[in-house]
Amino acid sequence: MTVLRIGTRRSQLALWQAHHVRDLLLQSAPDLNVEIVYLTTAGDRVLDRPLPEIGGKGLFTQELEEALLQGTIDLAVHSLKDLPTELAPEFVLAAILRRANPLDALISRAGYRLDTLPASAVVGTSSLRRRAQLLAYRPDLQTLDLRGNVDTRLRKALDASGPYDAIVLAVAGLERLERLSVASQILPAAIMLPAPAQGAVAVQCRADDEHVRALLAPLNDPVTWAAVNAERAFLSRLDAGCRLPVSALATVQDDLVALTGRVNALDGSQTITVQGQAPVSAALDLGARLAAEALAQGAAALLENLRRSLPA
């Protein structure tokens, strides 16, 4: 292989992730010739509609996978929370990098925290998960859709004439772009449990490309791998995709993985939270088991009602 081609979206955060993977590869194999290939996804093109309306599996990943199949790139870099839990057999996740802070942050130009936001304050988010958990904690809040890359969202949040009293963004993205100083509060997991695999970067390649898989193997972080796979197993068993208000966070200590999973009603009126732990070797089983518990506690009817309310 004369050139190793990394496929990425064009947003600043996606570019940071791609360059980070490139740097890690060159640390491991200094003689590599690495090229970055820029692609545009459906999620990047359609910015005038809320994500749940255009969502579904592959919103930010389909074009990258097509480029892998066509051989125009050799690997694709993703925010793992954007990847469907079920991959086509042609692909494999060859590495999941060490995870950054998985939590969410509140950004307010007036410096408000979640508890100090005025009654009926407007909070910007395109995530049903964030919306549902905000309303579960503060039913008086109003939520307003917010699209765009991190810089675009921050500009809208800090605009004195804008409609937002605050917005919610992932801490990891703010840290990677050196913008965490704008956050007025890191939201605790007890209030705002993150999306499954939030803060984790995944590297995808063709399943039959043993050479690339071998190059990527040193980049994989086993602790992150166990945690995010437990979270994604929870999401997969619920068959909730990336649009519905499902959240999960796992931690690993010694040989045990501990997982918290949550399903919310969109208006915050109902919350189902499940917790458990298992050996790291049983991380996938733990996610599936807790999802079954959530379904038995009423998540099945809750999610079905939500699916019916969203565009196909």
C-alpha atoms as a PDB file:
ATOM      1  CA  MET A   1       0.000   0.000   0.000  1.00  0.00           C
ATOM      2  CA  THR A   2       1.593   3.276  -1.140  1.00  0.00           C
ATOM      3  CA  VAL A   3      -0.995   5.604   0.406  1.00  0.00           C
ATOM      4  CA  LEU A   4      -3.375   5.013   3.310  1.00  0.00           C
ATOM      5  CA  ARG A   5      -6.500   7.092   2.676  1.00  0.00           C
ATOM      6  CA  ILE A   6      -8.598   8.292   5.620  1.00  0.00           C
ATOM      7  CA  GLY A   7     -12.181   9.322   4.845  1.00  0.00           C
ATOM      8  CA  THR A   8     -13.817  12.027   6.937  1.00  0.00           C
ATOM      9  CA  ARG A   9     -16.577  14.603   6.988  1.00  0.00           C
ATOM     10  CA  ARG A  10     -15.555  18.248   6.618  1.00  0.00           C
ATOM     11  CA  SER A  11     -16.708  19.683   9.949  1.00  0.00           C
ATOM     12  CA  GLN A  12     -14.006  20.996  12.255  1.00  0.00           C
ATOM     13  CA  LEU A  13     -14.687  18.268  14.775  1.00  0.00           C
ATOM     14  CA  ALA A  14     -14.577  15.517  12.136  1.00  0.00           C
ATOM     15  CA  LEU A  15     -11.311  16.931  10.807  1.00  0.00           C
ATOM     16  CA  TRP A  16      -9.841  16.972  14.321  1.00  0.00           C
ATOM     17  CA  GLN A  17     -10.774  13.305  14.684  1.00  0.00           C
ATOM     18  CA  ALA A  18      -9.281  12.359  11.306  1.00  0.00           C
ATOM     19  CA  HIS A  19      -6.044  14.204  11.995  1.00  0.00           C
ATOM     20  CA  HIS A  20      -5.868  12.578  15.429  1.00  0.00           C
ATOM     21  CA  VAL A  21      -6.180   9.125  13.868  1.00  0.00           C
ATOM     22  CA  ARG A  22      -3.536  10.052  11.291  1.00  0.00           C
ATOM     23  CA  ASP A  23      -1.157  11.180  14.042  1.00  0.00           C
ATOM     24  CA  LEU A  24      -1.696   7.988  16.043  1.00  0.00           C
ATOM     25  CA  LEU A  25      -1.074   5.881  12.947  1.00  0.00           C
ATOM     26  CA  LEU A  26       2.165   7.710  12.212  1.00  0.00           C
ATOM     27  CA  GLN A  27       3.302   7.258  15.803  1.00  0.00           C
ATOM     28  CA  SER A  28       2.757   3.526  15.419  1.00  0.00           C
ATOM     29  CA  ALA A  29       4.077   3.246  11.840  1.00  0.00           C
ATOM     30  CA  PRO A  30       6.223   6.318  10.959  1.00  0.00           C
ATOM     31  CA  ASP A  31       6.860   5.195   7.372  1.00  0.00           C
ATOM     32  CA  LEU A  32       3.187   5.335   6.405  1.00  0.00           C
ATOM     33  CA  ASN A  33       2.058   7.755   3.699  1.00  0.00           C
ATOM     34  CA  VAL A  34      -1.328   8.988   4.940  1.00  0.00           C
ATOM     35  CA  GLU A  35      -3.817  11.051   2.942  1.00  0.00           C
ATOM     36  CA  ILE A  36      -7.104  12.557   4.181  1.00  0.00           C
ATOM     37  CA  VAL A  37     -10.107  12.417   1.827  1.00  0.00           C
ATOM     38  CA  TYR A  38     -12.999  14.796   2.463  1.00  0.00           C
ATOM     39  CA  LEU A  39     -16.598  13.672   1.979  1.00  0.00           C
ATOM     40  CA  THR A  40     -20.032  15.207   2.540  1.00  0.00           C
ATOM     41  CA  THR A  41     -22.871  13.217   4.141  1.00  0.00           C
ATOM     42  CA  ALA A  42     -26.644  13.606   4.116  1.00  0.00           C
ATOM     43  CA  GLY A  43     -26.485  14.956   7.658  1.00  0.00           C
ATOM     44  CA  ASP A  44     -24.149  17.713   6.453  1.00  0.00           C
ATOM     45  CA  ARG A  45     -26.254  18.656   3.436  1.00  0.00           C
ATOM     46  CA  VAL A  46     -29.699  18.910   5.013  1.00  0.00           C
ATOM     47  CA  LEU A  47     -29.489  21.653   7.631  1.00  0.00           C
ATOM     48  CA  ASP A  48     -32.960  23.191   7.441  1.00  0.00           C
ATOM     49  CA  ARG A  49     -34.861  20.343   9.106  1.00  0.00           C
ATOM     50  CA  PRO A  50     -34.616  18.835  12.610  1.00  0.00           C
ATOM     51  CA  LEU A  51     -32.430  15.746  12.835  1.00  0.00           C
ATOM     52  CA  PRO A  52     -35.262  13.442  13.976  1.00  0.00           C
ATOM     53  CA  GLU A  53     -37.182  14.272  10.779  1.00  0.00           C
ATOM     54  CA  ILE A  54     -34.308  13.309   8.481  1.00  0.00           C
ATOM     55  CA  GLY A  55     -32.664  10.855  10.860  1.00  0.00           C
ATOM     56  CA  GLY A  56     -32.269   7.172  10.678  1.00  0.00           C
ATOM     57  CA  LYS A  57     -29.364   4.862  10.345  1.00  0.00           C
ATOM     58  CA  GLY A  58     -26.454   6.190   8.328  1.00  0.00           C
ATOM     59  CA  LEU A  59     -27.318   9.895   8.390  1.00  0.00           C
ATOM     60  CA  PHE A  60     -23.672  10.849   8.928  1.00  0.00           C
ATOM     61  CA  THR A  61     -22.032   7.632   7.750  1.00  0.00           C
ATOM     62  CA  GLN A  62     -23.542   6.241   4.545  1.00  0.00           C
ATOM     63  CA  GLU A  63     -21.340   8.169   2.119  1.00  0.00           C
ATOM     64  CA  LEU A  64     -18.214   7.154   4.023  1.00  0.00           C
ATOM     65  CA  GLU A  65     -19.222   3.498   3.840  1.00  0.00           C
ATOM     66  CA  GLU A  66     -19.906   3.795   0.121  1.00  0.00           C
ATOM     67  CA  ALA A  67     -16.420   5.227  -0.383  1.00  0.00           C
ATOM     68  CA  LEU A  68     -14.976   2.273   1.547  1.00  0.00           C
ATOM     69  CA  LEU A  69     -16.833  -0.178  -0.694  1.00  0.00           C
ATOM     70  CA  GLN A  70     -15.697   1.630  -3.830  1.00  0.00           C
ATOM     71  CA  GLY A  71     -12.107   1.616  -2.633  1.00  0.00           C
ATOM     72  CA  THR A  72     -11.669   5.386  -2.763  1.00  0.00           C
ATOM     73  CA  ILE A  73     -10.766   5.376   0.948  1.00  0.00           C
ATOM     74  CA  ASP A  74      -9.164   2.701   3.135  1.00  0.00           C
ATOM     75  CA  LEU A  75     -10.638   3.661   6.475  1.00  0.00           C
ATOM     76  CA  ALA A  76     -13.348   5.980   7.798  1.00  0.00           C
ATOM     77  CA  VAL A  77     -13.307   7.952  11.032  1.00  0.00           C
ATOM     78  CA  HIS A  78     -16.587   8.431  12.883  1.00  0.00           C
ATOM     79  CA  SER A  79     -18.008   9.759  16.095  1.00  0.00           C
ATOM     80  CA  LEU A  80     -19.130   6.354  17.315  1.00  0.00           C
ATOM     81  CA  LYS A  81     -22.478   7.646  18.545  1.00  0.00           C
ATOM     82  CA  ASP A  82     -23.348   8.367  14.874  1.00  0.00           C
ATOM     83  CA  LEU A  83     -22.736   4.792  13.727  1.00  0.00           C
ATOM     84  CA  PRO A  84     -25.633   2.321  13.540  1.00  0.00           C
ATOM     85  CA  THR A  85     -25.300  -0.520  16.024  1.00  0.00           C
ATOM     86  CA  GLU A  86     -25.597  -3.074  13.223  1.00  0.00           C
ATOM     87  CA  LEU A  87     -22.831  -2.842  10.613  1.00  0.00           C
ATOM     88  CA  ALA A  88     -23.035  -4.414   7.178  1.00  0.00           C
ATOM     89  CA  PRO A  89     -20.888  -7.576   6.997  1.00  0.00           C
ATOM     90  CA  GLU A  90     -18.520  -5.827   4.585  1.00  0.00           C
ATOM     91  CA  PHE A  91     -17.287  -3.567   7.397  1.00  0.00           C
ATOM     92  CA  VAL A  92     -15.622  -3.868  10.772  1.00  0.00           C
ATOM     93  CA  LEU A  93     -14.746  -1.473  13.569  1.00  0.00           C
ATOM     94  CA  ALA A  94     -10.994  -2.021  13.652  1.00  0.00           C
ATOM     95  CA  ALA A  95     -10.314   0.398  16.504  1.00  0.00           C
ATOM     96  CA  ILE A  96     -12.122   2.493  19.086  1.00  0.00           C
ATOM     97  CA  LEU A  97      -9.858   5.189  20.489  1.00  0.00           C
ATOM     98  CA  ARG A  98      -9.559   6.072  24.149  1.00  0.00           C
ATOM     99  CA  ARG A  99     -12.732   7.884  25.078  1.00  0.00           C
ATOM    100  CA  ALA A 100     -12.920  11.565  25.958  1.00  0.00           C
ATOM    101  CA  ASN A 101     -15.334  12.984  28.550  1.00  0.00           C
ATOM    102  CA  PRO A 102     -18.730  11.465  27.600  1.00  0.00           C
ATOM    103  CA  LEU A 103     -20.925  14.057  29.344  1.00  0.00           C
ATOM    104  CA  ASP A 104     -22.894  17.033  28.005  1.00  0.00           C
ATOM    105  CA  ALA A 105     -22.358  20.724  28.722  1.00  0.00           C
ATOM    106  CA  LEU A 106     -24.722  23.661  29.052  1.00  0.00           C
ATOM    107  CA  ILE A 107     -23.654  26.841  27.232  1.00  0.00           C
ATOM    108  CA  SER A 108     -25.378  30.116  28.075  1.00  0.00           C
ATOM    109  CA  ARG A 109     -24.309  33.616  27.059  1.00  0.00           C
ATOM    110  CA  ALA A 110     -25.657  34.871  30.420  1.00  0.00           C
ATOM    111  CA  GLY A 111     -23.804  32.161  32.349  1.00  0.00           C
ATOM    112  CA  TYR A 112     -26.942  30.323  33.454  1.00  0.00           C
ATOM    113  CA  ARG A 113     -26.719  26.851  34.927  1.00  0.00           C
ATOM    114  CA  LEU A 114     -29.576  24.390  34.501  1.00  0.00           C
ATOM    115  CA  ASP A 115     -30.982  25.262  37.932  1.00  0.00           C
ATOM    116  CA  THR A 116     -30.712  29.042  37.392  1.00  0.00           C
ATOM    117  CA  LEU A 117     -32.258  29.274  33.923  1.00  0.00           C
ATOM    118  CA  PRO A 118     -35.347  31.525  34.083  1.00  0.00           C
ATOM    119  CA  ALA A 119     -38.790  29.940  33.994  1.00  0.00           C
ATOM    120  CA  SER A 120     -39.769  28.926  30.434  1.00  0.00           C
ATOM    121  CA  ALA A 121     -36.213  29.538  29.187  1.00  0.00           C
ATOM    122  CA  VAL A 122     -35.434  28.360  25.645  1.00  0.00           C
ATOM    123  CA  VAL A 123     -32.762  25.668  25.290  1.00  0.00           C
ATOM    124  CA  GLY A 124     -31.403  24.748  21.865  1.00  0.00           C
ATOM    125  CA  THR A 125     -30.797  21.111  20.939  1.00  0.00           C
ATOM    126  CA  SER A 126     -31.425  18.838  17.978  1.00  0.00           C
ATOM    127  CA  SER A 127     -31.330  15.739  20.177  1.00  0.00           C
ATOM    128  CA  LEU A 128     -34.520  14.111  21.427  1.00  0.00           C
ATOM    129  CA  ARG A 129     -32.440  12.458  24.157  1.00  0.00           C
ATOM    130  CA  ARG A 130     -31.295  15.829  25.473  1.00  0.00           C
ATOM    131  CA  ARG A 131     -34.738  17.357  25.087  1.00  0.00           C
ATOM    132  CA  ALA A 132     -36.428  14.561  27.028  1.00  0.00           C
ATOM    133  CA  GLN A 133     -33.967  14.660  29.905  1.00  0.00           C
ATOM    134  CA  LEU A 134     -34.059  18.457  30.116  1.00  0.00           C
ATOM    135  CA  LEU A 135     -37.841  18.334  30.427  1.00  0.00           C
ATOM    136  CA  ALA A 136     -37.674  15.504  32.951  1.00  0.00           C
ATOM    137  CA  TYR A 137     -35.592  17.771  35.196  1.00  0.00           C
ATOM    138  CA  ARG A 138     -37.150  21.134  34.286  1.00  0.00           C
ATOM    139  CA  PRO A 139     -40.654  20.645  32.802  1.00  0.00           C
ATOM    140  CA  ASP A 140     -41.032  24.412  32.390  1.00  0.00           C
ATOM    141  CA  LEU A 141     -38.250  24.711  29.825  1.00  0.00           C
ATOM    142  CA  GLN A 142     -38.884  25.163  26.122  1.00  0.00           C
ATOM    143  CA  THR A 143     -36.671  23.427  23.577  1.00  0.00           C
ATOM    144  CA  LEU A 144     -35.878  24.724  20.112  1.00  0.00           C
ATOM    145  CA  ASP A 145     -34.150  22.840  17.322  1.00  0.00           C
ATOM    146  CA  LEU A 146     -30.490  23.657  16.744  1.00  0.00           C
ATOM    147  CA  ARG A 147     -28.450  22.368  13.784  1.00  0.00           C
ATOM    148  CA  GLY A 148     -24.953  22.961  12.450  1.00  0.00           C
ATOM    149  CA  ASN A 149     -21.376  22.196  13.449  1.00  0.00           C
ATOM    150  CA  VAL A 150     -19.978  23.103  16.861  1.00  0.00           C
ATOM    151  CA  ASP A 151     -18.855  26.603  15.871  1.00  0.00           C
ATOM    152  CA  THR A 152     -22.200  27.354  14.217  1.00  0.00           C
ATOM    153  CA  ARG A 153     -24.112  26.227  17.295  1.00  0.00           C
ATOM    154  CA  LEU A 154     -21.884  28.227  19.605  1.00  0.00           C
ATOM    155  CA  ARG A 155     -22.302  31.341  17.468  1.00  0.00           C
ATOM    156  CA  LYS A 156     -26.076  30.971  17.650  1.00  0.00           C
ATOM    157  CA  ALA A 157     -25.954  30.363  21.405  1.00  0.00           C
ATOM    158  CA  LEU A 158     -23.834  33.431  22.104  1.00  0.00           C
ATOM    159  CA  ASP A 159     -25.739  35.757  19.773  1.00  0.00           C
ATOM    160  CA  ALA A 160     -27.316  38.405  21.992  1.00  0.00           C
ATOM    161  CA  SER A 161     -30.258  38.720  19.596  1.00  0.00           C
ATOM    162  CA  GLY A 162     -30.706  34.955  19.201  1.00  0.00           C
ATOM    163  CA  PRO A 163     -33.615  32.921  20.589  1.00  0.00           C
ATOM    164  CA  TYR A 164     -31.582  30.632  22.855  1.00  0.00           C
ATOM    165  CA  ASP A 165     -31.103  31.171  26.583  1.00  0.00           C
ATOM    166  CA  ALA A 166     -28.806  28.147  26.528  1.00  0.00           C
ATOM    167  CA  ILE A 167     -27.812  25.199  24.365  1.00  0.00           C
ATOM    168  CA  VAL A 168     -26.478  21.715  25.107  1.00  0.00           C
ATOM    169  CA  LEU A 169     -23.391  20.246  23.405  1.00  0.00           C
ATOM    170  CA  ALA A 170     -21.106  17.292  24.057  1.00  0.00           C
ATOM    171  CA  VAL A 171     -18.142  18.048  26.305  1.00  0.00           C
ATOM    172  CA  ALA A 172     -15.828  15.953  24.114  1.00  0.00           C
ATOM    173  CA  GLY A 173     -16.366  18.128  21.040  1.00  0.00           C
ATOM    174  CA  LEU A 174     -15.825  21.305  23.023  1.00  0.00           C
ATOM    175  CA  GLU A 175     -12.621  19.915  24.528  1.00  0.00           C
ATOM    176  CA  ARG A 176     -11.253  18.777  21.180  1.00  0.00           C
ATOM    177  CA  LEU A 177     -11.864  22.186  19.609  1.00  0.00           C
ATOM    178  CA  GLU A 178     -10.542  23.965  22.718  1.00  0.00           C
ATOM    179  CA  ARG A 179     -13.877  25.670  23.375  1.00  0.00           C
ATOM    180  CA  LEU A 180     -14.838  24.157  26.731  1.00  0.00           C
ATOM    181  CA  SER A 181     -14.280  27.518  28.425  1.00  0.00           C
ATOM    182  CA  VAL A 182     -17.626  28.727  27.009  1.00  0.00           C
ATOM    183  CA  ALA A 183     -19.541  26.100  29.018  1.00  0.00           C
ATOM    184  CA  SER A 184     -21.363  27.337  32.099  1.00  0.00           C
ATOM    185  CA  GLN A 185     -21.993  23.829  33.454  1.00  0.00           C
ATOM    186  CA  ILE A 186     -21.000  20.217  32.885  1.00  0.00           C
ATOM    187  CA  LEU A 187     -24.297  18.377  33.272  1.00  0.00           C
ATOM    188  CA  PRO A 188     -24.066  15.397  35.659  1.00  0.00           C
ATOM    189  CA  ALA A 189     -25.028  11.975  34.349  1.00  0.00           C
ATOM    190  CA  ALA A 190     -27.794  11.731  36.944  1.00  0.00           C
ATOM    191  CA  ILE A 191     -29.571  14.538  35.073  1.00  0.00           C
ATOM    192  CA  MET A 192     -28.251  14.167  31.522  1.00  0.00           C
ATOM    193  CA  LEU A 193     -27.085  10.650  30.738  1.00  0.00           C
ATOM    194  CA  PRO A 194     -25.106  10.756  27.472  1.00  0.00           C
ATOM    195  CA  ALA A 195     -25.830   9.076  24.173  1.00  0.00           C
ATOM    196  CA  PRO A 196     -24.431   5.556  23.857  1.00  0.00           C
ATOM    197  CA  ALA A 197     -20.741   5.819  22.852  1.00  0.00           C
ATOM    198  CA  GLN A 198     -20.674   9.622  23.166  1.00  0.00           C
ATOM    199  CA  GLY A 199     -17.084  10.872  23.327  1.00  0.00           C
ATOM    200  CA  ALA A 200     -15.665   7.840  21.510  1.00  0.00           C
ATOM    201  CA  VAL A 201     -14.045   7.891  18.057  1.00  0.00           C
ATOM    202  CA  ALA A 202     -14.290   4.748  15.929  1.00  0.00           C
ATOM    203  CA  VAL A 203     -12.239   3.733  12.900  1.00  0.00           C
ATOM    204  CA  GLN A 204     -14.027   1.590  10.335  1.00  0.00           C
ATOM    205  CA  CYS A 205     -12.515  -0.359   7.459  1.00  0.00           C
ATOM    206  CA  ARG A 206     -13.367  -3.181   5.076  1.00  0.00           C
ATOM    207  CA  ALA A 207     -13.690  -6.486   6.900  1.00  0.00           C
ATOM    208  CA  ASP A 208     -11.419  -8.279   4.420  1.00  0.00           C
ATOM    209  CA  ASP A 209      -8.620  -5.687   4.569  1.00  0.00           C
ATOM    210  CA  GLU A 210      -6.249  -7.477   6.912  1.00  0.00           C
ATOM    211  CA  HIS A 211      -3.422  -5.010   6.286  1.00  0.00           C
ATOM    212  CA  VAL A 212      -5.434  -1.984   7.418  1.00  0.00           C
ATOM    213  CA  ARG A 213      -6.900  -3.918  10.331  1.00  0.00           C
ATOM    214  CA  ALA A 214      -3.372  -4.739  11.503  1.00  0.00           C
ATOM    215  CA  LEU A 215      -2.321  -1.086  11.220  1.00  0.00           C
ATOM    216  CA  LEU A 216      -5.329   0.028  13.277  1.00  0.00           C
ATOM    217  CA  ALA A 217      -5.101  -2.630  15.997  1.00  0.00           C
ATOM    218  CA  PRO A 218      -2.587  -0.666  18.165  1.00  0.00           C
ATOM    219  CA  LEU A 219      -5.010   2.300  18.250  1.00  0.00           C
ATOM    220  CA  ASN A 220      -7.759   0.334  19.997  1.00  0.00           C
ATOM    221  CA  ASP A 221      -8.403   1.060  23.678  1.00  0.00           C
ATOM    222  CA  PRO A 222      -9.731  -2.076  25.425  1.00  0.00           C
ATOM    223  CA  VAL A 223     -11.393  -0.184  28.291  1.00  0.00           C
ATOM    224  CA  THR A 224     -13.303   2.090  25.932  1.00  0.00           C
ATOM    225  CA  TRP A 225     -14.127  -0.894  23.713  1.00  0.00           C
ATOM    226  CA  ALA A 226     -15.816  -2.733  26.601  1.00  0.00           C
ATOM    227  CA  ALA A 227     -17.711   0.331  27.840  1.00  0.00           C
ATOM    228  CA  VAL A 228     -19.112   1.520  24.533  1.00  0.00           C
ATOM    229  CA  ASN A 229     -20.028  -1.960  23.377  1.00  0.00           C
ATOM    230  CA  ALA A 230     -22.118  -2.435  26.518  1.00  0.00           C
ATOM    231  CA  GLU A 231     -23.844   0.882  25.760  1.00  0.00           C
ATOM    232  CA  ARG A 232     -24.394   0.035  22.087  1.00  0.00           C
ATOM    233  CA  ALA A 233     -25.756  -3.403  23.031  1.00  0.00           C
ATOM    234  CA  PHE A 234     -28.319  -1.640  25.232  1.00  0.00           C
ATOM    235  CA  LEU A 235     -29.311   0.593  22.313  1.00  0.00           C
ATOM    236  CA  SER A 236     -29.376  -2.289  19.844  1.00  0.00           C
ATOM    237  CA  ARG A 237     -31.628  -4.479  21.990  1.00  0.00           C
ATOM    238  CA  LEU A 238     -34.082  -1.582  22.299  1.00  0.00           C
ATOM    239  CA  ASP A 239     -33.989  -1.124  18.504  1.00  0.00           C
ATOM    240  CA  ALA A 240     -34.063   2.623  19.150  1.00  0.00           C
ATOM    241  CA  GLY A 241     -31.498   3.835  16.611  1.00  0.00           C
ATOM    242  CA  CYS A 242     -29.950   7.262  17.098  1.00  0.00           C
ATOM    243  CA  ARG A 243     -33.186   9.281  17.012  1.00  0.00           C
ATOM    244  CA  LEU A 244     -35.109   8.180  20.091  1.00  0.00           C
ATOM    245  CA  PRO A 245     -34.460   9.390  23.676  1.00  0.00           C
ATOM    246  CA  VAL A 246     -32.265   6.510  24.815  1.00  0.00           C
ATOM    247  CA  SER A 247     -29.103   7.118  26.823  1.00  0.00           C
ATOM    248  CA  ALA A 248     -26.445   4.914  28.359  1.00  0.00           C
ATOM    249  CA  LEU A 249     -23.117   5.195  30.139  1.00  0.00           C
ATOM    250  CA  ALA A 250     -20.742   2.416  31.151  1.00  0.00           C
ATOM    251  CA  THR A 251     -17.588   2.530  33.245  1.00  0.00           C
ATOM    252  CA  VAL A 252     -14.905  -0.118  33.603  1.00  0.00           C
ATOM    253  CA  GLN A 253     -12.955  -0.842  36.765  1.00  0.00           C
ATOM    254  CA  ASP A 254     -10.651  -3.811  37.096  1.00  0.00           C
ATOM    255  CA  ASP A 255     -12.512  -6.565  35.235  1.00  0.00           C
ATOM    256  CA  LEU A 256     -16.037  -5.241  35.784  1.00  0.00           C
ATOM    257  CA  VAL A 257     -18.175  -3.068  33.540  1.00  0.00           C
ATOM    258  CA  ALA A 258     -20.994  -1.097  35.199  1.00  0.00           C
ATOM    259  CA  LEU A 259     -23.779   0.208  32.975  1.00  0.00           C
ATOM    260  CA  THR A 260     -26.622   2.667  33.448  1.00  0.00           C
ATOM    261  CA  GLY A 261     -29.277   2.854  30.742  1.00  0.00           C
ATOM    262  CA  ARG A 262     -32.239   5.169  30.419  1.00  0.00           C
ATOM    263  CA  VAL A 263     -35.334   5.624  28.265  1.00  0.00           C
ATOM    264  CA  ASN A 264     -37.366   8.827  28.498  1.00  0.00           C
ATOM    265  CA  ALA A 265     -40.731   9.980  27.280  1.00  0.00           C
ATOM    266  CA  LEU A 266     -40.197  12.847  24.883  1.00  0.00           C
ATOM    267  CA  ASP A 267     -41.992  15.294  27.168  1.00  0.00           C
ATOM    268  CA  GLY A 268     -40.001  14.142  30.190  1.00  0.00           C
ATOM    269  CA  SER A 269     -43.071  12.769  31.942  1.00  0.00           C
ATOM    270  CA  GLN A 270     -41.728   9.223  32.214  1.00  0.00           C
ATOM    271  CA  THR A 271     -38.204   7.959  32.888  1.00  0.00           C
ATOM    272  CA  ILE A 272     -37.062   4.349  33.000  1.00  0.00           C
ATOM    273  CA  THR A 273     -33.546   3.835  34.386  1.00  0.00           C
ATOM    274  CA  VAL A 274     -31.794   0.483  34.740  1.00  0.00           C
ATOM    275  CA  GLN A 275     -28.397  -0.382  36.184  1.00  0.00           C
ATOM    276  CA  GLY A 276     -26.167  -3.420  36.443  1.00  0.00           C
ATOM    277  CA  GLN A 277     -22.658  -4.780  36.191  1.00  0.00           C
ATOM    278  CA  ALA A 278     -20.892  -7.787  34.737  1.00  0.00           C
ATOM    279  CA  PRO A 279     -17.403  -9.017  33.840  1.00  0.00           C
ATOM    280  CA  VAL A 280     -15.847  -7.175  30.904  1.00  0.00           C
ATOM    281  CA  SER A 281     -16.110 -10.392  28.875  1.00  0.00           C
ATOM    282  CA  ALA A 282     -19.909 -10.172  29.240  1.00  0.00           C
ATOM    283  CA  ALA A 283     -20.269  -6.475  28.317  1.00  0.00           C
ATOM    284  CA  LEU A 284     -22.557  -7.187  25.359  1.00  0.00           C
ATOM    285  CA  ASP A 285     -24.739  -9.491  27.427  1.00  0.00           C
ATOM    286  CA  LEU A 286     -25.004  -6.822  30.125  1.00  0.00           C
ATOM    287  CA  GLY A 287     -26.281  -4.250  27.656  1.00  0.00           C
ATOM    288  CA  ALA A 288     -28.835  -6.665  26.242  1.00  0.00           C
ATOM    289  CA  ARG A 289     -29.971  -7.771  29.722  1.00  0.00           C
ATOM    290  CA  LEU A 290     -30.534  -4.218  30.956  1.00  0.00           C
ATOM    291  CA  ALA A 291     -32.412  -3.374  27.781  1.00  0.00           C
ATOM    292  CA  ALA A 292     -34.700  -6.338  28.402  1.00  0.00           C
ATOM    293  CA  GLU A 293     -35.291  -5.032  31.931  1.00  0.00           C
ATOM    294  CA  ALA A 294     -36.161  -1.592  30.559  1.00  0.00           C
ATOM    295  CA  LEU A 295     -38.549  -3.107  28.023  1.00  0.00           C
ATOM    296  CA  ALA A 296     -40.248  -5.086  30.784  1.00  0.00           C
ATOM    297  CA  GLN A 297     -40.664  -1.883  32.799  1.00  0.00           C
ATOM    298  CA  GLY A 298     -42.562  -0.152  30.021  1.00  0.00           C
ATOM    299  CA  ALA A 299     -39.927   1.005  27.549  1.00  0.00           C
ATOM    300  CA  ALA A 300     -41.433  -1.093  24.747  1.00  0.00           C
ATOM    301  CA  ALA A 301     -44.715   0.846  24.692  1.00  0.00           C
ATOM    302  CA  LEU A 302     -42.901   4.132  25.246  1.00  0.00           C
ATOM    303  CA  LEU A 303     -40.559   3.626  22.289  1.00  0.00           C
ATOM    304  CA  GLU A 304     -43.340   2.368  20.022  1.00  0.00           C
ATOM    305  CA  ASN A 305     -45.362   5.509  20.677  1.00  0.00           C
ATOM    306  CA  LEU A 306     -42.318   7.617  19.883  1.00  0.00           C
ATOM    307  CA  ARG A 307     -41.657   5.746  16.626  1.00  0.00           C
ATOM    308  CA  ARG A 308     -45.214   6.400  15.489  1.00  0.00           C
ATOM    309  CA  SER A 309     -44.817  10.125  16.127  1.00  0.00           C
ATOM    310  CA  LEU A 310     -41.670  10.478  13.993  1.00  0.00           C
ATOM    311  CA  PRO A 311     -41.386  10.510  10.187  1.00  0.00           C
ATOM    312  CA  ALA A 312     -40.359   7.193   8.698  1.00  0.00           C
END
